[in-house]
């Protein structure tokens, strides 16, 4: 009985840890807007389109 509770607690803590790691990783990334991303790749993909 004690081993079953310990297993459930460990599984819940590992799920919480993975969720928290995802939150920390997403917060550390710089936010790029669609305009910046599109203008950077469009210089190579479509040279006729003027860059901003």
N, C-alpha and C. Protein backbone atom coordinates (compact mmCIF):
# COMPACT_ATOMS: atom_id res chain seq x y z
N UNK A 1 0.83 -1.20 0.00
CA UNK A 1 0.00 0.00 0.00
C UNK A 1 0.87 1.27 0.00
N UNK A 2 1.91 1.26 0.81
CA UNK A 2 2.80 2.42 0.87
C UNK A 2 3.56 2.60 -0.43
N UNK A 3 3.96 1.48 -1.05
CA UNK A 3 4.68 1.56 -2.33
C UNK A 3 3.77 2.12 -3.42
N UNK A 4 2.49 1.77 -3.40
CA UNK A 4 1.55 2.29 -4.40
C UNK A 4 1.37 3.79 -4.26
N UNK A 5 1.24 4.28 -3.03
CA UNK A 5 1.11 5.72 -2.81
C UNK A 5 2.39 6.46 -3.21
N UNK A 6 3.53 5.86 -2.87
CA UNK A 6 4.80 6.47 -3.25
C UNK A 6 4.93 6.55 -4.76
N UNK A 7 4.51 5.53 -5.48
CA UNK A 7 4.56 5.53 -6.94
C UNK A 7 3.67 6.61 -7.52
N UNK A 8 2.48 6.76 -6.99
CA UNK A 8 1.55 7.78 -7.48
C UNK A 8 2.10 9.17 -7.22
N UNK A 9 2.66 9.38 -6.03
CA UNK A 9 3.25 10.68 -5.72
C UNK A 9 4.43 10.97 -6.64
N UNK A 10 5.27 9.99 -6.90
CA UNK A 10 6.42 10.19 -7.80
C UNK A 10 5.96 10.51 -9.22
N UNK A 11 4.94 9.83 -9.70
CA UNK A 11 4.43 10.11 -11.05
C UNK A 11 3.85 11.52 -11.14
N UNK A 12 3.10 11.91 -10.12
CA UNK A 12 2.53 13.26 -10.12
C UNK A 12 3.62 14.32 -10.05
N UNK A 13 4.64 14.09 -9.25
CA UNK A 13 5.74 15.05 -9.15
C UNK A 13 6.53 15.13 -10.45
N UNK A 14 6.69 14.02 -11.14
CA UNK A 14 7.42 14.06 -12.42
C UNK A 14 6.60 14.80 -13.48
N UNK A 15 5.29 14.63 -13.47
CA UNK A 15 4.44 15.38 -14.40
C UNK A 15 4.51 16.87 -14.11
N UNK A 16 4.47 17.23 -12.84
CA UNK A 16 4.59 18.63 -12.46
C UNK A 16 5.96 19.19 -12.87
N UNK A 17 7.00 18.40 -12.68
CA UNK A 17 8.34 18.83 -13.05
C UNK A 17 8.48 19.05 -14.55
N UNK A 18 7.90 18.18 -15.36
CA UNK A 18 7.95 18.36 -16.82
C UNK A 18 7.17 19.59 -17.25
N UNK A 19 6.02 19.80 -16.63
CA UNK A 19 5.21 20.98 -16.96
C UNK A 19 5.95 22.26 -16.58
N UNK A 20 6.60 22.25 -15.42
CA UNK A 20 7.34 23.42 -14.98
C UNK A 20 8.55 23.68 -15.88
N UNK A 21 9.20 22.62 -16.36
CA UNK A 21 10.33 22.76 -17.27
C UNK A 21 9.89 23.36 -18.61
N UNK A 22 8.71 22.99 -19.07
CA UNK A 22 8.18 23.57 -20.31
C UNK A 22 7.92 25.06 -20.13
N UNK A 23 7.35 25.43 -19.00
CA UNK A 23 7.08 26.84 -18.73
C UNK A 23 8.37 27.66 -18.67
N UNK A 24 9.38 27.13 -18.01
CA UNK A 24 10.65 27.84 -17.89
C UNK A 24 11.32 27.97 -19.25
N UNK A 25 11.27 26.92 -20.07
CA UNK A 25 11.91 26.97 -21.38
C UNK A 25 11.20 27.96 -22.30
N UNK A 26 9.88 28.01 -22.24
CA UNK A 26 9.14 28.96 -23.08
C UNK A 26 9.37 30.39 -22.64
N UNK A 27 9.52 30.63 -21.35
CA UNK A 27 9.74 31.98 -20.87
C UNK A 27 11.13 32.48 -21.23
N UNK A 28 12.07 31.59 -21.42
CA UNK A 28 13.43 31.98 -21.75
C UNK A 28 13.63 32.32 -23.21
N UNK A 29 12.71 31.92 -24.06
CA UNK A 29 12.85 32.18 -25.50
C UNK A 29 12.47 33.61 -25.82
N UNK A 30 13.21 34.25 -26.73
CA UNK A 30 12.81 35.59 -27.15
C UNK A 30 11.58 35.51 -28.06
N UNK A 31 10.69 36.45 -27.87
CA UNK A 31 9.46 36.47 -28.68
C UNK A 31 9.73 37.21 -29.98
N UNK A 32 9.53 36.53 -31.10
CA UNK A 32 9.68 37.15 -32.41
C UNK A 32 8.30 37.33 -33.03
N UNK A 33 8.11 38.46 -33.65
CA UNK A 33 6.84 38.67 -34.32
C UNK A 33 6.87 38.03 -35.70
N UNK A 34 5.72 37.88 -36.31
CA UNK A 34 5.65 37.27 -37.64
C UNK A 34 6.31 38.16 -38.69
N UNK A 35 6.28 39.46 -38.48
CA UNK A 35 6.89 40.36 -39.47
C UNK A 35 8.40 40.19 -39.50
N UNK A 36 9.03 40.07 -38.33
CA UNK A 36 10.48 39.89 -38.28
C UNK A 36 10.88 38.57 -38.91
N UNK A 37 10.14 37.54 -38.61
CA UNK A 37 10.47 36.22 -39.15
C UNK A 37 10.26 36.20 -40.66
N UNK A 38 9.18 36.80 -41.14
CA UNK A 38 8.91 36.80 -42.57
C UNK A 38 9.91 37.62 -43.36
N UNK A 39 10.33 38.76 -42.84
CA UNK A 39 11.27 39.61 -43.58
C UNK A 39 12.66 38.99 -43.60
N UNK A 40 13.01 38.22 -42.58
CA UNK A 40 14.33 37.60 -42.54
C UNK A 40 14.43 36.48 -43.58
N UNK A 41 13.38 35.67 -43.71
CA UNK A 41 13.44 34.55 -44.65
C UNK A 41 13.07 34.96 -46.06
N UNK A 42 12.38 36.06 -46.22
CA UNK A 42 11.94 36.45 -47.54
C UNK A 42 13.10 37.00 -48.37
N UNK A 43 14.16 37.45 -47.76
CA UNK A 43 15.31 37.93 -48.51
C UNK A 43 15.95 36.83 -49.33
N UNK A 44 15.86 35.61 -48.88
CA UNK A 44 16.43 34.47 -49.60
C UNK A 44 15.38 33.84 -50.51
N UNK A 45 14.16 33.68 -49.99
CA UNK A 45 13.14 32.95 -50.72
C UNK A 45 12.54 33.76 -51.86
N UNK A 46 12.31 35.05 -51.67
CA UNK A 46 11.68 35.85 -52.72
C UNK A 46 12.40 37.19 -52.84
N UNK A 47 13.44 37.27 -53.66
CA UNK A 47 14.22 38.51 -53.73
C UNK A 47 13.49 39.67 -54.39
N UNK A 48 12.38 39.44 -55.09
CA UNK A 48 11.64 40.53 -55.73
C UNK A 48 10.84 41.34 -54.72
N UNK A 49 10.55 40.74 -53.58
CA UNK A 49 9.74 41.42 -52.56
C UNK A 49 10.64 42.36 -51.75
N UNK A 50 10.31 43.64 -51.65
CA UNK A 50 11.18 44.56 -50.89
C UNK A 50 11.15 44.26 -49.40
N UNK A 51 12.31 44.33 -48.79
CA UNK A 51 12.38 44.11 -47.34
C UNK A 51 11.95 45.37 -46.60
N UNK A 52 11.51 45.15 -45.34
CA UNK A 52 11.10 46.28 -44.51
C UNK A 52 12.28 46.86 -43.81
